[in-house]
Amino acid sequence: MKTMTRKSWVVMAVVLAPCLAMAKPGAREGSEQARESERQERSEQRMERAEQRMRLRQVLTLSDALELDNAQALKMEETLRQFDEKRRPLREQVRDAARTLHQAARGDSTALAQVDTAAQRAFEARERIASLDREMYQALARGLPPEKRAKLALALARGGGKHMGLWKGESFKGLRGDD
């Protein structure tokens, strides 16, 4: 019985030795780094697709509310894209600050020292986003008659398609000011 156990151990050692040799700690770390970079890349792609869907929803909502033709809607989409590109780093700044604040709320000692700075960064970024929203309204309203500018302001104030109410069965009528 003992010899059988010894033989089993020898066989297992011979079979597992090459596997253990290939599983070096450095190789595992490298593969973990590769997986992390892949995860980061997929996350960025998901964020980009979500941003495109949100912009499309916003264009559809605004073009319906303002009764725009296709050419005007495409022009509006280009304007919205330009402002989204300016807004993206600010949203990332707000996310980073919020992440730090969440960690601090959980008691993370390194994050606790950064609470005031993170809160200030978040407030400043939100102020710049609000300023960009005003600039975007002015850019979109340029050349529109007063009635359509009013509808644009109402649609943007209600979220301009950014909210998920359209997925909950709300119609575009509420965005036209018909309610």
N, C-alpha and C. Protein backbone atom coordinates (compact mmCIF):
# COMPACT_ATOMS: atom_id res chain seq x y z
N MET A 1 0.82 -1.18 0.00
CA MET A 1 0.00 0.00 0.00
C MET A 1 0.86 1.25 0.00
N LYS A 2 1.98 1.20 0.77
CA LYS A 2 2.87 2.36 0.81
C LYS A 2 3.53 2.58 -0.53
N THR A 3 3.94 1.52 -1.22
CA THR A 3 4.57 1.67 -2.52
C THR A 3 3.60 2.23 -3.53
N MET A 4 2.37 1.87 -3.41
CA MET A 4 1.37 2.41 -4.32
C MET A 4 1.20 3.90 -4.08
N THR A 5 1.23 4.34 -2.87
CA THR A 5 1.11 5.74 -2.54
C THR A 5 2.33 6.49 -3.04
N ARG A 6 3.50 5.89 -2.89
CA ARG A 6 4.72 6.52 -3.39
C ARG A 6 4.67 6.65 -4.90
N LYS A 7 4.24 5.61 -5.56
CA LYS A 7 4.15 5.65 -7.02
C LYS A 7 3.15 6.72 -7.45
N SER A 8 2.06 6.84 -6.72
CA SER A 8 1.06 7.85 -7.05
C SER A 8 1.64 9.25 -6.92
N TRP A 9 2.42 9.43 -5.86
CA TRP A 9 3.05 10.74 -5.66
C TRP A 9 4.06 11.04 -6.75
N VAL A 10 4.80 10.05 -7.15
CA VAL A 10 5.80 10.24 -8.21
C VAL A 10 5.10 10.58 -9.52
N VAL A 11 4.03 9.86 -9.83
CA VAL A 11 3.27 10.13 -11.05
C VAL A 11 2.68 11.54 -11.01
N MET A 12 2.11 11.91 -9.88
CA MET A 12 1.53 13.26 -9.76
C MET A 12 2.60 14.33 -9.89
N ALA A 13 3.76 14.09 -9.31
CA ALA A 13 4.85 15.07 -9.40
C ALA A 13 5.32 15.22 -10.84
N VAL A 14 5.42 14.12 -11.55
CA VAL A 14 5.87 14.16 -12.94
C VAL A 14 4.84 14.89 -13.80
N VAL A 15 3.57 14.64 -13.54
CA VAL A 15 2.51 15.27 -14.33
C VAL A 15 2.36 16.75 -13.98
N LEU A 16 2.43 17.09 -12.70
CA LEU A 16 2.19 18.46 -12.27
C LEU A 16 3.41 19.36 -12.36
N ALA A 17 4.60 18.82 -12.40
CA ALA A 17 5.81 19.64 -12.42
C ALA A 17 5.83 20.61 -13.61
N PRO A 18 5.54 20.14 -14.83
CA PRO A 18 5.54 21.10 -15.95
C PRO A 18 4.46 22.18 -15.80
N CYS A 19 3.33 21.80 -15.26
CA CYS A 19 2.25 22.79 -15.06
C CYS A 19 2.67 23.84 -14.05
N LEU A 20 3.30 23.40 -12.97
CA LEU A 20 3.74 24.33 -11.96
C LEU A 20 4.87 25.21 -12.48
N ALA A 21 5.71 24.67 -13.32
CA ALA A 21 6.81 25.46 -13.88
C ALA A 21 6.29 26.57 -14.78
N MET A 22 5.21 26.27 -15.52
CA MET A 22 4.65 27.29 -16.42
C MET A 22 3.88 28.35 -15.65
N ALA A 23 3.41 28.01 -14.48
CA ALA A 23 2.61 28.95 -13.70
C ALA A 23 3.50 29.76 -12.77
N LYS A 24 4.41 30.50 -13.35
CA LYS A 24 5.31 31.35 -12.56
C LYS A 24 4.53 32.53 -12.02
N PRO A 25 4.92 33.04 -10.85
CA PRO A 25 4.23 34.22 -10.31
C PRO A 25 4.29 35.41 -11.25
N GLY A 26 5.39 35.63 -11.91
CA GLY A 26 5.52 36.75 -12.85
C GLY A 26 4.59 36.60 -14.03
N ALA A 27 4.46 35.39 -14.52
CA ALA A 27 3.57 35.15 -15.66
C ALA A 27 2.13 35.39 -15.27
N ARG A 28 1.77 34.99 -14.06
CA ARG A 28 0.41 35.19 -13.60
C ARG A 28 0.12 36.68 -13.47
N GLU A 29 1.07 37.45 -12.93
CA GLU A 29 0.89 38.89 -12.81
C GLU A 29 0.75 39.54 -14.17
N GLY A 30 1.55 39.08 -15.12
CA GLY A 30 1.45 39.63 -16.48
C GLY A 30 0.10 39.36 -17.09
N SER A 31 -0.40 38.14 -16.87
CA SER A 31 -1.71 37.82 -17.43
C SER A 31 -2.80 38.60 -16.71
N GLU A 32 -2.61 38.83 -15.41
CA GLU A 32 -3.59 39.64 -14.68
C GLU A 32 -3.58 41.08 -15.19
N GLN A 33 -2.40 41.59 -15.49
CA GLN A 33 -2.30 42.94 -16.05
C GLN A 33 -2.95 43.00 -17.42
N ALA A 34 -2.76 41.96 -18.22
CA ALA A 34 -3.38 41.92 -19.54
C ALA A 34 -4.90 41.86 -19.40
N ARG A 35 -5.38 41.04 -18.46
CA ARG A 35 -6.82 40.96 -18.24
C ARG A 35 -7.39 42.29 -17.76
N GLU A 36 -6.63 42.96 -16.90
CA GLU A 36 -7.09 44.26 -16.39
C GLU A 36 -7.15 45.28 -17.52
N SER A 37 -6.15 45.28 -18.39
CA SER A 37 -6.18 46.23 -19.51
C SER A 37 -7.32 45.90 -20.47
N GLU A 38 -7.60 44.61 -20.67
CA GLU A 38 -8.73 44.21 -21.51
C GLU A 38 -10.04 44.67 -20.88
N ARG A 39 -10.16 44.49 -19.56
CA ARG A 39 -11.35 44.95 -18.85
C ARG A 39 -11.53 46.45 -19.00
N GLN A 40 -10.43 47.18 -18.86
CA GLN A 40 -10.46 48.64 -18.99
C GLN A 40 -10.90 49.03 -20.40
N GLU A 41 -10.36 48.35 -21.40
CA GLU A 41 -10.72 48.64 -22.79
C GLU A 41 -12.19 48.35 -23.05
N ARG A 42 -12.69 47.22 -22.54
CA ARG A 42 -14.11 46.89 -22.71
C ARG A 42 -14.99 47.91 -22.01
N SER A 43 -14.56 48.35 -20.85
CA SER A 43 -15.32 49.35 -20.11
C SER A 43 -15.40 50.66 -20.89
N GLU A 44 -14.28 51.07 -21.48
CA GLU A 44 -14.27 52.30 -22.27
C GLU A 44 -15.17 52.15 -23.50
N GLN A 45 -15.14 50.97 -24.13
CA GLN A 45 -16.00 50.75 -25.29
C GLN A 45 -17.47 50.80 -24.90
N ARG A 46 -17.81 50.20 -23.74
CA ARG A 46 -19.19 50.25 -23.27
C ARG A 46 -19.63 51.68 -23.00
N MET A 47 -18.75 52.46 -22.38
CA MET A 47 -19.07 53.86 -22.09
C MET A 47 -19.29 54.63 -23.39
N GLU A 48 -18.46 54.37 -24.38
CA GLU A 48 -18.60 55.06 -25.66
C GLU A 48 -19.91 54.70 -26.34
N ARG A 49 -20.25 53.40 -26.32
CA ARG A 49 -21.53 52.98 -26.93
C ARG A 49 -22.71 53.57 -26.18
N ALA A 50 -22.63 53.61 -24.86
CA ALA A 50 -23.71 54.20 -24.06
C ALA A 50 -23.85 55.68 -24.39
N GLU A 51 -22.72 56.36 -24.55
CA GLU A 51 -22.76 57.79 -24.89
C GLU A 51 -23.38 58.00 -26.26
N GLN A 52 -23.06 57.13 -27.22
CA GLN A 52 -23.65 57.24 -28.55
C GLN A 52 -25.16 56.99 -28.51
N ARG A 53 -25.59 55.99 -27.73
CA ARG A 53 -27.02 55.72 -27.61
C ARG A 53 -27.74 56.89 -26.96
N MET A 54 -27.12 57.47 -25.93
CA MET A 54 -27.71 58.60 -25.24
C MET A 54 -27.82 59.80 -26.20
N ARG A 55 -26.78 60.04 -26.99
CA ARG A 55 -26.81 61.16 -27.92
C ARG A 55 -27.88 60.93 -29.00
N LEU A 56 -28.00 59.70 -29.49
CA LEU A 56 -29.03 59.39 -30.48
C LEU A 56 -30.42 59.62 -29.89
N ARG A 57 -30.63 59.15 -28.67
CA ARG A 57 -31.91 59.36 -27.99
C ARG A 57 -32.18 60.85 -27.82
N GLN A 58 -31.13 61.60 -27.47
CA GLN A 58 -31.28 63.04 -27.28
C GLN A 58 -31.62 63.72 -28.61
N VAL A 59 -30.94 63.33 -29.69
CA VAL A 59 -31.22 63.92 -31.00
C VAL A 59 -32.65 63.61 -31.42
N LEU A 60 -33.07 62.36 -31.25
CA LEU A 60 -34.44 61.99 -31.62
C LEU A 60 -35.47 62.78 -30.82
N THR A 61 -35.23 62.91 -29.53
CA THR A 61 -36.16 63.63 -28.67
C THR A 61 -36.23 65.10 -29.06
N LEU A 62 -35.05 65.72 -29.22
CA LEU A 62 -35.02 67.15 -29.56
C LEU A 62 -35.56 67.41 -30.97
N SER A 63 -35.20 66.56 -31.92
CA SER A 63 -35.68 66.79 -33.28
C SER A 63 -37.19 66.60 -33.36
N ASP A 64 -37.73 65.67 -32.58
CA ASP A 64 -39.18 65.50 -32.55
C ASP A 64 -39.85 66.70 -31.87
N ALA A 65 -39.27 67.14 -30.76
CA ALA A 65 -39.85 68.28 -30.03
C ALA A 65 -39.81 69.55 -30.87
N LEU A 66 -38.75 69.71 -31.66
CA LEU A 66 -38.59 70.92 -32.47
C LEU A 66 -39.08 70.75 -33.90
N GLU A 67 -39.55 69.55 -34.23
CA GLU A 67 -40.05 69.23 -35.57
C GLU A 67 -39.01 69.57 -36.63
N LEU A 68 -37.81 69.01 -36.46
CA LEU A 68 -36.71 69.26 -37.38
C LEU A 68 -36.70 68.25 -38.51
N ASP A 69 -36.15 68.67 -39.65
CA ASP A 69 -35.96 67.72 -40.74
C ASP A 69 -34.63 67.00 -40.52
N ASN A 70 -34.30 66.06 -41.41
CA ASN A 70 -33.10 65.24 -41.23
C ASN A 70 -31.82 66.06 -41.24
N ALA A 71 -31.70 67.03 -42.13
CA ALA A 71 -30.50 67.85 -42.20
C ALA A 71 -30.29 68.64 -40.91
N GLN A 72 -31.36 69.19 -40.39
CA GLN A 72 -31.26 69.95 -39.14
C GLN A 72 -30.91 69.01 -37.98
N ALA A 73 -31.48 67.80 -37.99
CA ALA A 73 -31.19 66.84 -36.93
C ALA A 73 -29.73 66.41 -36.97
N LEU A 74 -29.18 66.22 -38.17
CA LEU A 74 -27.77 65.86 -38.29
C LEU A 74 -26.86 66.98 -37.81
N LYS A 75 -27.24 68.21 -38.12
CA LYS A 75 -26.46 69.36 -37.65
C LYS A 75 -26.51 69.42 -36.12
N MET A 76 -27.69 69.16 -35.55
CA MET A 76 -27.84 69.15 -34.11
C MET A 76 -26.99 68.04 -33.49
N GLU A 77 -26.97 66.88 -34.12
CA GLU A 77 -26.18 65.75 -33.62
C GLU A 77 -24.70 66.11 -33.58
N GLU A 78 -24.22 66.79 -34.59
CA GLU A 78 -22.81 67.19 -34.62
C GLU A 78 -22.50 68.18 -33.49
N THR A 79 -23.40 69.12 -33.26
CA THR A 79 -23.22 70.08 -32.16
C THR A 79 -23.21 69.36 -30.82
N LEU A 80 -24.14 68.42 -30.64
CA LEU A 80 -24.20 67.66 -29.39
C LEU A 80 -22.92 66.84 -29.19
N ARG A 81 -22.40 66.25 -30.27
CA ARG A 81 -21.17 65.46 -30.18
C ARG A 81 -20.01 66.34 -29.71
N GLN A 82 -19.91 67.56 -30.27
CA GLN A 82 -18.82 68.45 -29.87
C GLN A 82 -18.90 68.79 -28.38
N PHE A 83 -20.09 69.04 -27.90
CA PHE A 83 -20.24 69.37 -26.48
C PHE A 83 -20.03 68.15 -25.59
N ASP A 84 -20.41 66.96 -26.09
CA ASP A 84 -20.16 65.74 -25.32
C ASP A 84 -18.67 65.50 -25.16
N GLU A 85 -17.89 65.80 -26.19
CA GLU A 85 -16.44 65.63 -26.11
C GLU A 85 -15.83 66.59 -25.08
N LYS A 86 -16.39 67.79 -24.98
CA LYS A 86 -15.91 68.73 -23.97
C LYS A 86 -16.36 68.30 -22.57
N ARG A 87 -17.52 67.68 -22.50
CA ARG A 87 -18.11 67.29 -21.22
C ARG A 87 -17.49 66.01 -20.66
N ARG A 88 -16.97 65.14 -21.53
CA ARG A 88 -16.46 63.83 -21.12
C ARG A 88 -15.41 63.91 -20.01
N PRO A 89 -14.35 64.73 -20.14
CA PRO A 89 -13.36 64.77 -19.06
C PRO A 89 -13.93 65.33 -17.75
N LEU A 90 -14.91 66.20 -17.86
CA LEU A 90 -15.53 66.74 -16.65
C LEU A 90 -16.36 65.67 -15.94
N ARG A 91 -17.08 64.86 -16.71
CA ARG A 91 -17.84 63.76 -16.10
C ARG A 91 -16.90 62.76 -15.45
N GLU A 92 -15.76 62.52 -16.09
CA GLU A 92 -14.77 61.61 -15.51
C GLU A 92 -14.21 62.18 -14.20
N GLN A 93 -14.02 63.48 -14.17
CA GLN A 93 -13.56 64.14 -12.95
C GLN A 93 -14.59 63.98 -11.83
N VAL A 94 -15.86 64.14 -12.16
CA VAL A 94 -16.92 63.95 -11.16
C VAL A 94 -16.93 62.51 -10.68
N ARG A 95 -16.79 61.54 -11.60
CA ARG A 95 -16.78 60.12 -11.22
C ARG A 95 -15.61 59.80 -10.30
N ASP A 96 -14.42 60.32 -10.63
CA ASP A 96 -13.25 60.07 -9.79
C ASP A 96 -13.44 60.66 -8.39
N ALA A 97 -13.97 61.87 -8.35
CA ALA A 97 -14.22 62.51 -7.05
C ALA A 97 -15.25 61.72 -6.26
N ALA A 98 -16.29 61.26 -6.93
CA ALA A 98 -17.33 60.47 -6.25
C ALA A 98 -16.76 59.16 -5.73
N ARG A 99 -15.87 58.54 -6.51
CA ARG A 99 -15.24 57.29 -6.08
C ARG A 99 -14.44 57.53 -4.80
N THR A 100 -13.68 58.64 -4.78
CA THR A 100 -12.90 58.98 -3.59
C THR A 100 -13.82 59.22 -2.39
N LEU A 101 -14.93 59.93 -2.62
CA LEU A 101 -15.86 60.21 -1.53
C LEU A 101 -16.53 58.94 -1.02
N HIS A 102 -16.85 58.01 -1.91
CA HIS A 102 -17.43 56.73 -1.48
C HIS A 102 -16.43 55.95 -0.63
N GLN A 103 -15.18 55.95 -1.06
CA GLN A 103 -14.15 55.25 -0.28
C GLN A 103 -14.00 55.88 1.09
N ALA A 104 -14.04 57.20 1.14
CA ALA A 104 -13.92 57.90 2.42
C ALA A 104 -15.12 57.59 3.31
N ALA A 105 -16.29 57.51 2.71
CA ALA A 105 -17.49 57.20 3.49
C ALA A 105 -17.42 55.81 4.09
N ARG A 106 -16.68 54.91 3.44
CA ARG A 106 -16.50 53.56 3.96
C ARG A 106 -15.37 53.47 4.98
N GLY A 107 -14.66 54.59 5.17
CA GLY A 107 -13.62 54.63 6.19
C GLY A 107 -12.21 54.42 5.69
N ASP A 108 -11.99 54.46 4.39
CA ASP A 108 -10.65 54.31 3.83
C ASP A 108 -9.78 55.48 4.30
N SER A 109 -8.69 55.18 4.99
CA SER A 109 -7.88 56.23 5.62
C SER A 109 -7.22 57.15 4.59
N THR A 110 -6.79 56.62 3.44
CA THR A 110 -6.17 57.48 2.44
C THR A 110 -7.20 58.40 1.79
N ALA A 111 -8.41 57.91 1.62
CA ALA A 111 -9.47 58.72 1.02
C ALA A 111 -9.98 59.78 1.99
N LEU A 112 -9.93 59.49 3.28
CA LEU A 112 -10.41 60.46 4.27
C LEU A 112 -9.64 61.78 4.19
N ALA A 113 -8.36 61.69 3.87
CA ALA A 113 -7.54 62.90 3.78
C ALA A 113 -7.86 63.72 2.53
N GLN A 114 -8.56 63.11 1.58
CA GLN A 114 -8.84 63.78 0.30
C GLN A 114 -10.29 64.23 0.16
N VAL A 115 -11.08 64.14 1.21
CA VAL A 115 -12.51 64.43 1.12
C VAL A 115 -12.78 65.85 0.62
N ASP A 116 -12.19 66.84 1.24
CA ASP A 116 -12.47 68.23 0.86
C ASP A 116 -12.03 68.53 -0.57
N THR A 117 -10.87 68.01 -0.94
CA THR A 117 -10.37 68.21 -2.30
C THR A 117 -11.29 67.54 -3.32
N ALA A 118 -11.71 66.33 -3.03
CA ALA A 118 -12.59 65.59 -3.96
C ALA A 118 -13.94 66.30 -4.09
N ALA A 119 -14.49 66.76 -2.98
CA ALA A 119 -15.77 67.46 -3.04
C ALA A 119 -15.63 68.74 -3.86
N GLN A 120 -14.56 69.47 -3.65
CA GLN A 120 -14.33 70.70 -4.41
C GLN A 120 -14.19 70.42 -5.90
N ARG A 121 -13.43 69.37 -6.25
CA ARG A 121 -13.27 68.99 -7.67
C ARG A 121 -14.62 68.65 -8.30
N ALA A 122 -15.45 67.93 -7.57
CA ALA A 122 -16.77 67.55 -8.08
C ALA A 122 -17.64 68.78 -8.31
N PHE A 123 -17.65 69.71 -7.35
CA PHE A 123 -18.46 70.92 -7.50
C PHE A 123 -17.98 71.77 -8.68
N GLU A 124 -16.66 71.90 -8.81
CA GLU A 124 -16.11 72.70 -9.91
C GLU A 124 -16.44 72.08 -11.26
N ALA A 125 -16.32 70.76 -11.35
CA ALA A 125 -16.63 70.09 -12.62
C ALA A 125 -18.12 70.24 -12.95
N ARG A 126 -18.99 70.11 -11.95
CA ARG A 126 -20.43 70.28 -12.18
C ARG A 126 -20.74 71.69 -12.65
N GLU A 127 -20.05 72.69 -12.09
CA GLU A 127 -20.25 74.08 -12.52
C GLU A 127 -19.84 74.25 -13.98
N ARG A 128 -18.71 73.63 -14.36
CA ARG A 128 -18.26 73.74 -15.76
C ARG A 128 -19.21 72.99 -16.70
N ILE A 129 -19.78 71.89 -16.24
CA ILE A 129 -20.76 71.17 -17.05
C ILE A 129 -22.00 72.03 -17.25
N ALA A 130 -22.45 72.71 -16.19
CA ALA A 130 -23.61 73.61 -16.31
C ALA A 130 -23.31 74.75 -17.28
N SER A 131 -22.10 75.26 -17.25
CA SER A 131 -21.70 76.31 -18.18
C SER A 131 -21.70 75.79 -19.62
N LEU A 132 -21.22 74.57 -19.81
CA LEU A 132 -21.26 73.96 -21.15
C LEU A 132 -22.69 73.75 -21.61
N ASP A 133 -23.58 73.40 -20.70
CA ASP A 133 -24.99 73.22 -21.05
C ASP A 133 -25.59 74.54 -21.56
N ARG A 134 -25.23 75.65 -20.91
CA ARG A 134 -25.72 76.96 -21.38
C ARG A 134 -25.16 77.27 -22.77
N GLU A 135 -23.86 77.00 -22.96
CA GLU A 135 -23.26 77.22 -24.28
C GLU A 135 -23.92 76.34 -25.34
N MET A 136 -24.23 75.10 -24.97
CA MET A 136 -24.87 74.19 -25.91
C MET A 136 -26.25 74.71 -26.30
N TYR A 137 -27.00 75.18 -25.31
CA TYR A 137 -28.32 75.75 -25.62
C TYR A 137 -28.18 76.90 -26.61
N GLN A 138 -27.23 77.79 -26.36
CA GLN A 138 -27.04 78.94 -27.24
C GLN A 138 -26.66 78.49 -28.65
N ALA A 139 -25.81 77.47 -28.74
CA ALA A 139 -25.40 76.97 -30.06
C ALA A 139 -26.57 76.31 -30.79
N LEU A 140 -27.38 75.55 -30.07
CA LEU A 140 -28.52 74.87 -30.69
C LEU A 140 -29.64 75.85 -31.03
N ALA A 141 -29.80 76.89 -30.23
CA ALA A 141 -30.90 77.84 -30.41
C ALA A 141 -30.60 78.86 -31.51
N ARG A 142 -29.33 78.97 -31.88
CA ARG A 142 -28.95 79.94 -32.90
C ARG A 142 -29.74 79.68 -34.19
N GLY A 143 -30.43 80.69 -34.65
CA GLY A 143 -31.19 80.61 -35.90
C GLY A 143 -32.59 80.05 -35.75
N LEU A 144 -32.97 79.65 -34.54
CA LEU A 144 -34.33 79.13 -34.34
C LEU A 144 -35.28 80.26 -33.99
N PRO A 145 -36.53 80.16 -34.44
CA PRO A 145 -37.52 81.17 -34.03
C PRO A 145 -37.81 81.04 -32.53
N PRO A 146 -38.37 82.08 -31.92
CA PRO A 146 -38.61 82.07 -30.46
C PRO A 146 -39.42 80.87 -29.97
N GLU A 147 -40.42 80.46 -30.72
CA GLU A 147 -41.25 79.33 -30.29
C GLU A 147 -40.40 78.05 -30.17
N LYS A 148 -39.54 77.80 -31.16
CA LYS A 148 -38.70 76.61 -31.13
C LYS A 148 -37.60 76.73 -30.07
N ARG A 149 -37.12 77.95 -29.83
CA ARG A 149 -36.13 78.14 -28.76
C ARG A 149 -36.76 77.80 -27.42
N ALA A 150 -38.02 78.19 -27.24
CA ALA A 150 -38.73 77.87 -26.00
C ALA A 150 -38.89 76.37 -25.85
N LYS A 151 -39.27 75.68 -26.94
CA LYS A 151 -39.40 74.22 -26.90
C LYS A 151 -38.05 73.56 -26.63
N LEU A 152 -36.99 74.09 -27.21
CA LEU A 152 -35.65 73.57 -26.97
C LEU A 152 -35.28 73.70 -25.50
N ALA A 153 -35.52 74.88 -24.94
CA ALA A 153 -35.19 75.12 -23.53
C ALA A 153 -35.97 74.16 -22.63
N LEU A 154 -37.25 73.96 -22.94
CA LEU A 154 -38.07 73.03 -22.14
C LEU A 154 -37.55 71.60 -22.27
N ALA A 155 -37.24 71.19 -23.49
CA ALA A 155 -36.76 69.83 -23.71
C ALA A 155 -35.43 69.60 -23.00
N LEU A 156 -34.53 70.58 -23.07
CA LEU A 156 -33.24 70.43 -22.39
C LEU A 156 -33.41 70.45 -20.88
N ALA A 157 -34.32 71.27 -20.38
CA ALA A 157 -34.57 71.33 -18.94
C ALA A 157 -35.13 70.01 -18.43
N ARG A 158 -35.90 69.33 -19.27
CA ARG A 158 -36.49 68.04 -18.88
C ARG A 158 -35.52 66.89 -19.09
N GLY A 159 -34.36 67.18 -19.58
CA GLY A 159 -33.37 66.12 -19.78
C GLY A 159 -33.00 65.94 -21.23
N GLY A 160 -33.77 66.45 -22.14
CA GLY A 160 -33.44 66.39 -23.56
C GLY A 160 -33.15 64.99 -24.07
N GLY A 161 -33.83 63.98 -23.52
CA GLY A 161 -33.60 62.62 -23.98
C GLY A 161 -32.57 61.89 -23.15
N LYS A 162 -31.95 62.57 -22.20
CA LYS A 162 -30.95 61.92 -21.37
C LYS A 162 -31.60 61.03 -20.33
N HIS A 163 -32.83 61.35 -19.95
CA HIS A 163 -33.48 60.54 -18.93
C HIS A 163 -34.06 59.28 -19.56
N MET A 164 -34.40 58.34 -18.74
CA MET A 164 -34.89 57.06 -19.23
C MET A 164 -36.40 57.02 -19.29
N GLY A 165 -37.07 58.14 -19.14
CA GLY A 165 -38.52 58.17 -19.17
C GLY A 165 -39.08 57.62 -20.47
N LEU A 166 -38.34 57.80 -21.55
CA LEU A 166 -38.82 57.28 -22.83
C LEU A 166 -38.88 55.76 -22.82
N TRP A 167 -38.02 55.14 -22.00
CA TRP A 167 -38.05 53.69 -21.90
C TRP A 167 -39.18 53.23 -21.01
N LYS A 168 -39.74 54.11 -20.22
CA LYS A 168 -40.81 53.74 -19.31
C LYS A 168 -42.19 53.99 -19.92
N GLY A 169 -42.23 54.29 -21.20
CA GLY A 169 -43.51 54.43 -21.87
C GLY A 169 -43.98 55.86 -22.05
N GLU A 170 -43.19 56.84 -21.62
CA GLU A 170 -43.59 58.23 -21.85
C GLU A 170 -43.46 58.54 -23.33
N SER A 171 -44.30 59.39 -23.81
CA SER A 171 -44.24 59.75 -25.22
C SER A 171 -43.45 61.04 -25.39
N PHE A 172 -43.22 61.39 -26.64
CA PHE A 172 -42.53 62.63 -26.95
C PHE A 172 -43.44 63.83 -26.73
N LYS A 173 -44.74 63.61 -26.59
CA LYS A 173 -45.68 64.72 -26.46
C LYS A 173 -45.36 65.63 -25.29
N GLY A 174 -44.95 65.03 -24.18
CA GLY A 174 -44.62 65.83 -23.00
C GLY A 174 -43.45 66.75 -23.25
N LEU A 175 -42.57 66.38 -24.15
CA LEU A 175 -41.40 67.20 -24.44
C LEU A 175 -41.74 68.33 -25.40
N ARG A 176 -42.86 68.20 -26.08
CA ARG A 176 -43.26 69.27 -27.02
C ARG A 176 -43.92 70.41 -26.29
N GLY A 177 -44.28 70.21 -25.08
CA GLY A 177 -45.00 71.26 -24.35
C GLY A 177 -46.50 71.14 -24.52
N ASP A 178 -46.98 69.97 -25.00
CA ASP A 178 -48.40 69.75 -25.22
C ASP A 178 -49.13 69.34 -23.95
N ASP A 179 -48.40 69.13 -22.86
CA ASP A 179 -49.04 68.61 -21.66
C ASP A 179 -49.68 69.67 -20.89
